[in-house]
């Protein structure tokens, strides 16, 4: 008799378990690779036009390392990290450069250009990335 009662509740229990699993997976997918708290990114530049970037990393160290490793044989000398934002590096004549992070790509680029322009002329955005 106990076996029949368990048998009667088993389909409902399995359905509930499947629903909980689906909700868990849907929540994880919505959070993305970096979860809900921090989403790190990085921009990097180096000599001879080298540049690299990364986005959507769970740690600052990982974002930094990936940006550097994608930068022309890892020769980037300037690496800057940011989280839940966009970042940009602008380069100009006479080793002038500037970097900034902002809520949007445009904000980060505009601020990086402004910082670079304070140190030299001919500034242009070399690299940018956004990490939601």
N, C-alpha and C. Protein backbone atom coordinates (compact mmCIF):
# COMPACT_ATOMS: atom_id res chain seq x y z
N UNK A 1 0.79 -1.17 0.00
CA UNK A 1 0.00 0.00 0.00
C UNK A 1 0.85 1.27 0.00
N UNK A 2 1.92 1.27 0.78
CA UNK A 2 2.80 2.44 0.81
C UNK A 2 3.40 2.70 -0.56
N UNK A 3 3.68 1.63 -1.30
CA UNK A 3 4.24 1.78 -2.64
C UNK A 3 3.29 2.50 -3.58
N UNK A 4 1.99 2.23 -3.47
CA UNK A 4 1.02 2.89 -4.34
C UNK A 4 0.88 4.37 -4.01
N UNK A 5 0.95 4.72 -2.77
CA UNK A 5 0.87 6.15 -2.40
C UNK A 5 2.07 6.92 -2.95
N UNK A 6 3.26 6.34 -2.81
CA UNK A 6 4.47 6.97 -3.34
C UNK A 6 4.36 7.11 -4.85
N UNK A 7 3.85 6.07 -5.48
CA UNK A 7 3.69 6.10 -6.94
C UNK A 7 2.75 7.20 -7.39
N UNK A 8 1.73 7.49 -6.61
CA UNK A 8 0.77 8.53 -6.95
C UNK A 8 1.41 9.92 -6.89
N UNK A 9 2.33 10.17 -5.97
CA UNK A 9 2.95 11.48 -5.79
C UNK A 9 4.21 11.66 -6.63
N UNK A 10 4.78 10.59 -7.15
CA UNK A 10 6.04 10.69 -7.88
C UNK A 10 5.94 11.59 -9.11
N UNK A 11 4.92 11.49 -9.99
CA UNK A 11 4.87 12.39 -11.15
C UNK A 11 4.79 13.86 -10.75
N UNK A 12 4.03 14.18 -9.72
CA UNK A 12 3.94 15.57 -9.27
C UNK A 12 5.28 16.05 -8.72
N UNK A 13 5.96 15.20 -7.98
CA UNK A 13 7.27 15.55 -7.44
C UNK A 13 8.30 15.78 -8.53
N UNK A 14 8.28 14.92 -9.54
CA UNK A 14 9.22 15.09 -10.66
C UNK A 14 8.93 16.36 -11.44
N UNK A 15 7.64 16.68 -11.60
CA UNK A 15 7.27 17.92 -12.29
C UNK A 15 7.75 19.14 -11.54
N UNK A 16 7.60 19.12 -10.22
CA UNK A 16 8.07 20.23 -9.40
C UNK A 16 9.58 20.36 -9.47
N UNK A 17 10.27 19.23 -9.43
CA UNK A 17 11.73 19.24 -9.52
C UNK A 17 12.18 19.80 -10.87
N UNK A 18 11.50 19.42 -11.95
CA UNK A 18 11.84 19.94 -13.27
C UNK A 18 11.60 21.45 -13.34
N UNK A 19 10.51 21.93 -12.74
CA UNK A 19 10.22 23.37 -12.74
C UNK A 19 11.30 24.15 -11.98
N UNK A 20 11.71 23.65 -10.83
CA UNK A 20 12.76 24.31 -10.05
C UNK A 20 14.06 24.34 -10.85
N UNK A 21 14.39 23.24 -11.51
CA UNK A 21 15.61 23.19 -12.33
C UNK A 21 15.57 24.18 -13.47
N UNK A 22 14.41 24.29 -14.13
CA UNK A 22 14.28 25.22 -15.24
C UNK A 22 14.43 26.67 -14.77
N UNK A 23 13.82 27.01 -13.65
CA UNK A 23 13.92 28.36 -13.11
C UNK A 23 15.37 28.68 -12.75
N UNK A 24 16.08 27.73 -12.17
CA UNK A 24 17.47 27.92 -11.81
C UNK A 24 18.32 28.18 -13.05
N UNK A 25 18.13 27.38 -14.10
CA UNK A 25 18.90 27.55 -15.32
C UNK A 25 18.56 28.86 -16.02
N UNK A 26 17.28 29.23 -16.03
CA UNK A 26 16.88 30.48 -16.65
C UNK A 26 17.50 31.67 -15.92
N UNK A 27 17.56 31.62 -14.60
CA UNK A 27 18.17 32.70 -13.82
C UNK A 27 19.66 32.81 -14.09
N UNK A 28 20.33 31.68 -14.20
CA UNK A 28 21.78 31.68 -14.48
C UNK A 28 22.05 32.23 -15.86
N UNK A 29 21.21 31.89 -16.84
CA UNK A 29 21.40 32.40 -18.20
C UNK A 29 21.20 33.91 -18.24
N UNK A 30 20.22 34.41 -17.50
CA UNK A 30 19.97 35.85 -17.47
C UNK A 30 21.13 36.60 -16.83
N UNK A 31 21.79 35.98 -15.89
CA UNK A 31 22.90 36.63 -15.20
C UNK A 31 24.13 36.73 -16.09
N UNK A 32 24.27 35.87 -17.08
CA UNK A 32 25.43 35.87 -17.94
C UNK A 32 26.62 35.22 -17.26
N UNK A 33 27.78 35.28 -17.94
CA UNK A 33 28.98 34.66 -17.41
C UNK A 33 29.44 35.27 -16.11
N UNK A 34 29.17 36.54 -15.91
CA UNK A 34 29.75 37.22 -14.77
C UNK A 34 28.78 37.42 -13.62
N UNK A 35 27.60 36.86 -13.70
CA UNK A 35 26.67 36.94 -12.58
C UNK A 35 26.02 38.31 -12.48
N UNK A 36 25.41 38.57 -11.35
CA UNK A 36 24.67 39.80 -11.16
C UNK A 36 25.48 40.90 -10.48
N UNK A 37 26.56 40.58 -9.80
CA UNK A 37 27.27 41.57 -9.02
C UNK A 37 28.30 42.36 -9.83
N UNK A 38 29.35 41.70 -10.26
CA UNK A 38 30.43 42.37 -10.95
C UNK A 38 30.67 41.73 -12.31
N UNK A 39 30.94 42.56 -13.27
CA UNK A 39 31.23 42.10 -14.62
C UNK A 39 32.45 42.90 -15.09
N UNK A 40 33.60 42.30 -15.02
CA UNK A 40 34.86 43.01 -15.28
C UNK A 40 35.23 43.00 -16.76
N UNK A 41 35.90 44.07 -17.17
CA UNK A 41 36.46 44.19 -18.50
C UNK A 41 37.78 44.92 -18.40
N UNK A 42 38.52 44.93 -19.51
CA UNK A 42 39.81 45.63 -19.53
C UNK A 42 40.13 46.09 -20.95
N UNK A 43 40.89 47.16 -21.03
CA UNK A 43 41.45 47.65 -22.30
C UNK A 43 42.95 47.76 -22.13
N UNK A 44 43.68 47.52 -23.23
CA UNK A 44 45.14 47.51 -23.14
C UNK A 44 45.75 48.05 -24.43
N UNK A 45 46.89 48.73 -24.29
CA UNK A 45 47.64 49.21 -25.46
C UNK A 45 49.12 48.97 -25.24
N UNK A 46 49.83 48.96 -26.35
CA UNK A 46 51.27 48.76 -26.31
C UNK A 46 51.94 49.42 -27.49
N UNK A 47 53.23 49.17 -27.64
CA UNK A 47 53.97 49.81 -28.73
C UNK A 47 53.53 49.31 -30.11
N UNK A 48 53.83 50.12 -31.12
CA UNK A 48 53.57 49.77 -32.51
C UNK A 48 52.11 49.46 -32.81
N UNK A 49 51.20 50.15 -32.13
CA UNK A 49 49.78 49.98 -32.41
C UNK A 49 49.12 48.76 -31.78
N UNK A 50 49.82 48.07 -30.91
CA UNK A 50 49.25 46.88 -30.28
C UNK A 50 48.10 47.28 -29.36
N UNK A 51 47.06 46.47 -29.35
CA UNK A 51 45.94 46.72 -28.43
C UNK A 51 45.24 45.40 -28.13
N UNK A 52 44.54 45.39 -27.01
CA UNK A 52 43.77 44.21 -26.61
C UNK A 52 42.64 44.63 -25.71
N UNK A 53 41.68 43.75 -25.54
CA UNK A 53 40.55 44.06 -24.68
C UNK A 53 39.92 42.77 -24.18
N UNK A 54 39.10 42.90 -23.16
CA UNK A 54 38.32 41.78 -22.65
C UNK A 54 37.04 42.32 -22.04
N UNK A 55 36.05 41.44 -21.91
CA UNK A 55 34.78 41.85 -21.30
C UNK A 55 34.08 40.63 -20.73
N UNK A 56 33.15 40.88 -19.81
CA UNK A 56 32.32 39.84 -19.19
C UNK A 56 33.12 38.78 -18.44
N UNK A 57 34.01 39.22 -17.58
CA UNK A 57 34.79 38.30 -16.74
C UNK A 57 34.35 38.41 -15.29
N UNK A 58 34.45 37.29 -14.58
CA UNK A 58 34.01 37.27 -13.19
C UNK A 58 35.03 37.89 -12.24
N UNK A 59 36.29 38.04 -12.68
CA UNK A 59 37.29 38.64 -11.80
C UNK A 59 38.08 39.71 -12.56
N UNK A 60 38.56 40.67 -11.80
CA UNK A 60 39.39 41.73 -12.37
C UNK A 60 40.68 41.16 -12.93
N UNK A 61 41.29 40.23 -12.21
CA UNK A 61 42.55 39.62 -12.64
C UNK A 61 42.38 38.91 -13.98
N UNK A 62 41.29 38.17 -14.14
CA UNK A 62 41.06 37.46 -15.39
C UNK A 62 40.85 38.44 -16.54
N UNK A 63 40.09 39.50 -16.32
CA UNK A 63 39.87 40.51 -17.36
C UNK A 63 41.20 41.14 -17.77
N UNK A 64 42.03 41.48 -16.79
CA UNK A 64 43.35 42.06 -17.04
C UNK A 64 44.21 41.10 -17.86
N UNK A 65 44.29 39.86 -17.43
CA UNK A 65 45.15 38.88 -18.10
C UNK A 65 44.70 38.58 -19.53
N UNK A 66 43.40 38.49 -19.76
CA UNK A 66 42.90 38.22 -21.10
C UNK A 66 43.19 39.40 -22.02
N UNK A 67 42.96 40.62 -21.56
CA UNK A 67 43.25 41.80 -22.38
C UNK A 67 44.72 41.84 -22.75
N UNK A 68 45.57 41.55 -21.80
CA UNK A 68 47.00 41.57 -22.07
C UNK A 68 47.43 40.46 -23.03
N UNK A 69 46.84 39.29 -22.88
CA UNK A 69 47.22 38.16 -23.74
C UNK A 69 46.74 38.33 -25.18
N UNK A 70 45.71 39.15 -25.40
CA UNK A 70 45.22 39.38 -26.77
C UNK A 70 45.93 40.55 -27.43
N UNK A 71 46.91 41.09 -26.79
CA UNK A 71 47.59 42.30 -27.24
C UNK A 71 48.93 41.97 -27.88
N UNK A 72 48.93 41.65 -29.15
CA UNK A 72 50.18 41.46 -29.89
C UNK A 72 51.29 40.80 -29.10
N UNK A 73 51.17 39.52 -28.86
CA UNK A 73 52.16 38.74 -28.11
C UNK A 73 52.29 39.20 -26.66
N UNK A 74 51.24 39.76 -26.10
CA UNK A 74 51.24 40.15 -24.69
C UNK A 74 52.15 41.32 -24.36
N UNK A 75 52.43 42.18 -25.35
CA UNK A 75 53.37 43.27 -25.14
C UNK A 75 52.70 44.58 -24.72
N UNK A 76 51.49 44.52 -24.25
CA UNK A 76 50.82 45.76 -23.82
C UNK A 76 51.48 46.30 -22.55
N UNK A 77 51.68 47.60 -22.55
CA UNK A 77 52.30 48.25 -21.40
C UNK A 77 51.27 48.98 -20.53
N UNK A 78 50.13 49.32 -21.11
CA UNK A 78 49.06 49.99 -20.37
C UNK A 78 47.83 49.08 -20.37
N UNK A 79 47.41 48.63 -19.20
CA UNK A 79 46.20 47.82 -19.06
C UNK A 79 45.34 48.46 -17.97
N UNK A 80 44.09 48.75 -18.31
CA UNK A 80 43.17 49.36 -17.36
C UNK A 80 41.91 48.52 -17.28
N UNK A 81 41.43 48.31 -16.05
CA UNK A 81 40.23 47.50 -15.84
C UNK A 81 39.05 48.36 -15.42
N UNK A 82 37.86 47.83 -15.60
CA UNK A 82 36.62 48.50 -15.22
C UNK A 82 35.57 47.43 -14.97
N UNK A 83 34.52 47.78 -14.23
CA UNK A 83 33.43 46.82 -14.05
C UNK A 83 32.08 47.48 -14.25
N UNK A 84 31.17 46.69 -14.81
CA UNK A 84 29.82 47.14 -15.11
C UNK A 84 29.84 48.50 -15.82
N UNK A 85 30.72 48.64 -16.80
CA UNK A 85 30.90 49.90 -17.50
C UNK A 85 31.58 49.64 -18.84
N UNK A 86 31.93 50.72 -19.51
CA UNK A 86 32.73 50.68 -20.72
C UNK A 86 34.07 51.34 -20.42
N UNK A 87 35.11 50.94 -21.11
CA UNK A 87 36.42 51.54 -20.95
C UNK A 87 37.04 51.83 -22.30
N UNK A 88 37.90 52.84 -22.36
CA UNK A 88 38.56 53.22 -23.61
C UNK A 88 39.93 53.80 -23.32
N UNK A 89 40.85 53.59 -24.26
CA UNK A 89 42.17 54.22 -24.22
C UNK A 89 42.36 54.97 -25.53
N UNK A 90 42.76 56.24 -25.42
CA UNK A 90 43.07 57.07 -26.59
C UNK A 90 44.57 57.33 -26.60
N UNK A 91 45.15 57.36 -27.79
CA UNK A 91 46.59 57.60 -27.95
C UNK A 91 46.78 58.78 -28.89
N UNK A 92 47.88 59.53 -28.67
CA UNK A 92 48.18 60.67 -29.51
C UNK A 92 49.67 60.77 -29.80
N UNK A 93 50.06 61.92 -30.33
CA UNK A 93 51.46 62.17 -30.66
C UNK A 93 52.29 62.33 -29.39
N UNK A 94 53.58 62.12 -29.51
CA UNK A 94 54.52 62.31 -28.40
C UNK A 94 54.14 61.51 -27.15
N UNK A 95 53.73 60.28 -27.35
CA UNK A 95 53.39 59.37 -26.24
C UNK A 95 52.24 59.85 -25.37
N UNK A 96 51.42 60.75 -25.86
CA UNK A 96 50.25 61.19 -25.12
C UNK A 96 49.22 60.06 -25.13
N UNK A 97 48.57 59.89 -24.00
CA UNK A 97 47.50 58.91 -23.93
C UNK A 97 46.58 59.25 -22.78
N UNK A 98 45.39 58.71 -22.83
CA UNK A 98 44.42 58.90 -21.76
C UNK A 98 43.47 57.72 -21.73
N UNK A 99 42.93 57.45 -20.59
CA UNK A 99 41.99 56.35 -20.45
C UNK A 99 40.83 56.80 -19.60
N UNK A 100 39.69 56.16 -19.78
CA UNK A 100 38.51 56.48 -18.96
C UNK A 100 37.53 55.32 -19.02
N UNK A 101 36.66 55.30 -18.01
CA UNK A 101 35.52 54.38 -18.04
C UNK A 101 34.26 55.22 -17.92
N UNK A 102 33.18 54.69 -18.44
CA UNK A 102 31.93 55.41 -18.40
C UNK A 102 30.75 54.48 -18.56
N UNK A 103 29.56 55.01 -18.40
CA UNK A 103 28.35 54.21 -18.49
C UNK A 103 28.07 53.71 -19.90
N UNK A 104 28.59 54.44 -20.91
CA UNK A 104 28.39 54.05 -22.30
C UNK A 104 29.72 54.09 -23.03
N UNK A 105 29.74 53.47 -24.22
CA UNK A 105 30.94 53.50 -25.05
C UNK A 105 31.34 54.94 -25.37
N UNK A 106 30.34 55.74 -25.75
CA UNK A 106 30.60 57.13 -26.13
C UNK A 106 31.18 57.93 -24.96
N UNK A 107 30.64 57.74 -23.76
CA UNK A 107 31.14 58.46 -22.58
C UNK A 107 32.59 58.08 -22.30
N UNK A 108 32.90 56.80 -22.36
CA UNK A 108 34.28 56.36 -22.11
C UNK A 108 35.23 56.92 -23.17
N UNK A 109 34.83 56.86 -24.42
CA UNK A 109 35.69 57.37 -25.50
C UNK A 109 35.89 58.87 -25.39
N UNK A 110 34.82 59.61 -25.15
CA UNK A 110 34.93 61.07 -25.04
C UNK A 110 35.87 61.48 -23.90
N UNK A 111 35.74 60.80 -22.75
CA UNK A 111 36.59 61.13 -21.61
C UNK A 111 38.05 60.73 -21.86
N UNK A 112 38.26 59.58 -22.51
CA UNK A 112 39.63 59.16 -22.83
C UNK A 112 40.27 60.15 -23.78
N UNK A 113 39.53 60.61 -24.78
CA UNK A 113 40.05 61.61 -25.72
C UNK A 113 40.37 62.92 -25.01
N UNK A 114 39.53 63.33 -24.08
CA UNK A 114 39.77 64.57 -23.33
C UNK A 114 41.04 64.45 -22.49
N UNK A 115 41.22 63.32 -21.81
CA UNK A 115 42.44 63.12 -21.01
C UNK A 115 43.68 63.11 -21.89
N UNK A 116 43.60 62.43 -23.03
CA UNK A 116 44.74 62.37 -23.94
C UNK A 116 45.08 63.76 -24.49
N UNK A 117 44.05 64.51 -24.83
CA UNK A 117 44.26 65.84 -25.43
C UNK A 117 44.93 66.81 -24.46
N UNK A 118 44.81 66.58 -23.16
CA UNK A 118 45.51 67.42 -22.18
C UNK A 118 47.02 67.19 -22.22
N UNK A 119 47.43 66.05 -22.76
CA UNK A 119 48.85 65.67 -22.77
C UNK A 119 49.49 65.73 -24.14
N UNK A 120 48.71 65.95 -25.17
CA UNK A 120 49.28 65.99 -26.52
C UNK A 120 48.22 66.22 -27.57
N UNK A 121 48.65 66.15 -28.83
CA UNK A 121 47.75 66.38 -29.95
C UNK A 121 47.55 65.12 -30.76
N UNK A 122 46.58 65.17 -31.65
CA UNK A 122 46.34 64.06 -32.56
C UNK A 122 45.80 62.80 -31.88
N UNK A 123 45.03 62.97 -30.84
CA UNK A 123 44.52 61.81 -30.09
C UNK A 123 43.39 61.11 -30.83
N UNK A 124 43.40 59.81 -30.75
CA UNK A 124 42.34 58.97 -31.32
C UNK A 124 42.14 57.76 -30.43
N UNK A 125 40.92 57.28 -30.38
CA UNK A 125 40.64 56.10 -29.57
C UNK A 125 41.33 54.90 -30.20
N UNK A 126 42.12 54.22 -29.42
CA UNK A 126 42.84 53.03 -29.90
C UNK A 126 42.06 51.76 -29.62
N UNK A 127 41.42 51.68 -28.44
CA UNK A 127 40.70 50.47 -28.06
C UNK A 127 39.58 50.81 -27.08
N UNK A 128 38.49 50.06 -27.16
CA UNK A 128 37.39 50.23 -26.22
C UNK A 128 36.73 48.88 -26.02
N UNK A 129 36.01 48.76 -24.92
CA UNK A 129 35.23 47.55 -24.63
C UNK A 129 34.17 47.91 -23.60
N UNK A 130 33.09 47.14 -23.59
CA UNK A 130 32.02 47.33 -22.61
C UNK A 130 31.73 46.00 -21.91
N UNK A 131 31.53 46.08 -20.63
CA UNK A 131 31.19 44.92 -19.83
C UNK A 131 29.94 45.25 -19.03
N UNK A 132 28.81 44.73 -19.49
CA UNK A 132 27.54 45.14 -18.88
C UNK A 132 27.48 44.88 -17.40
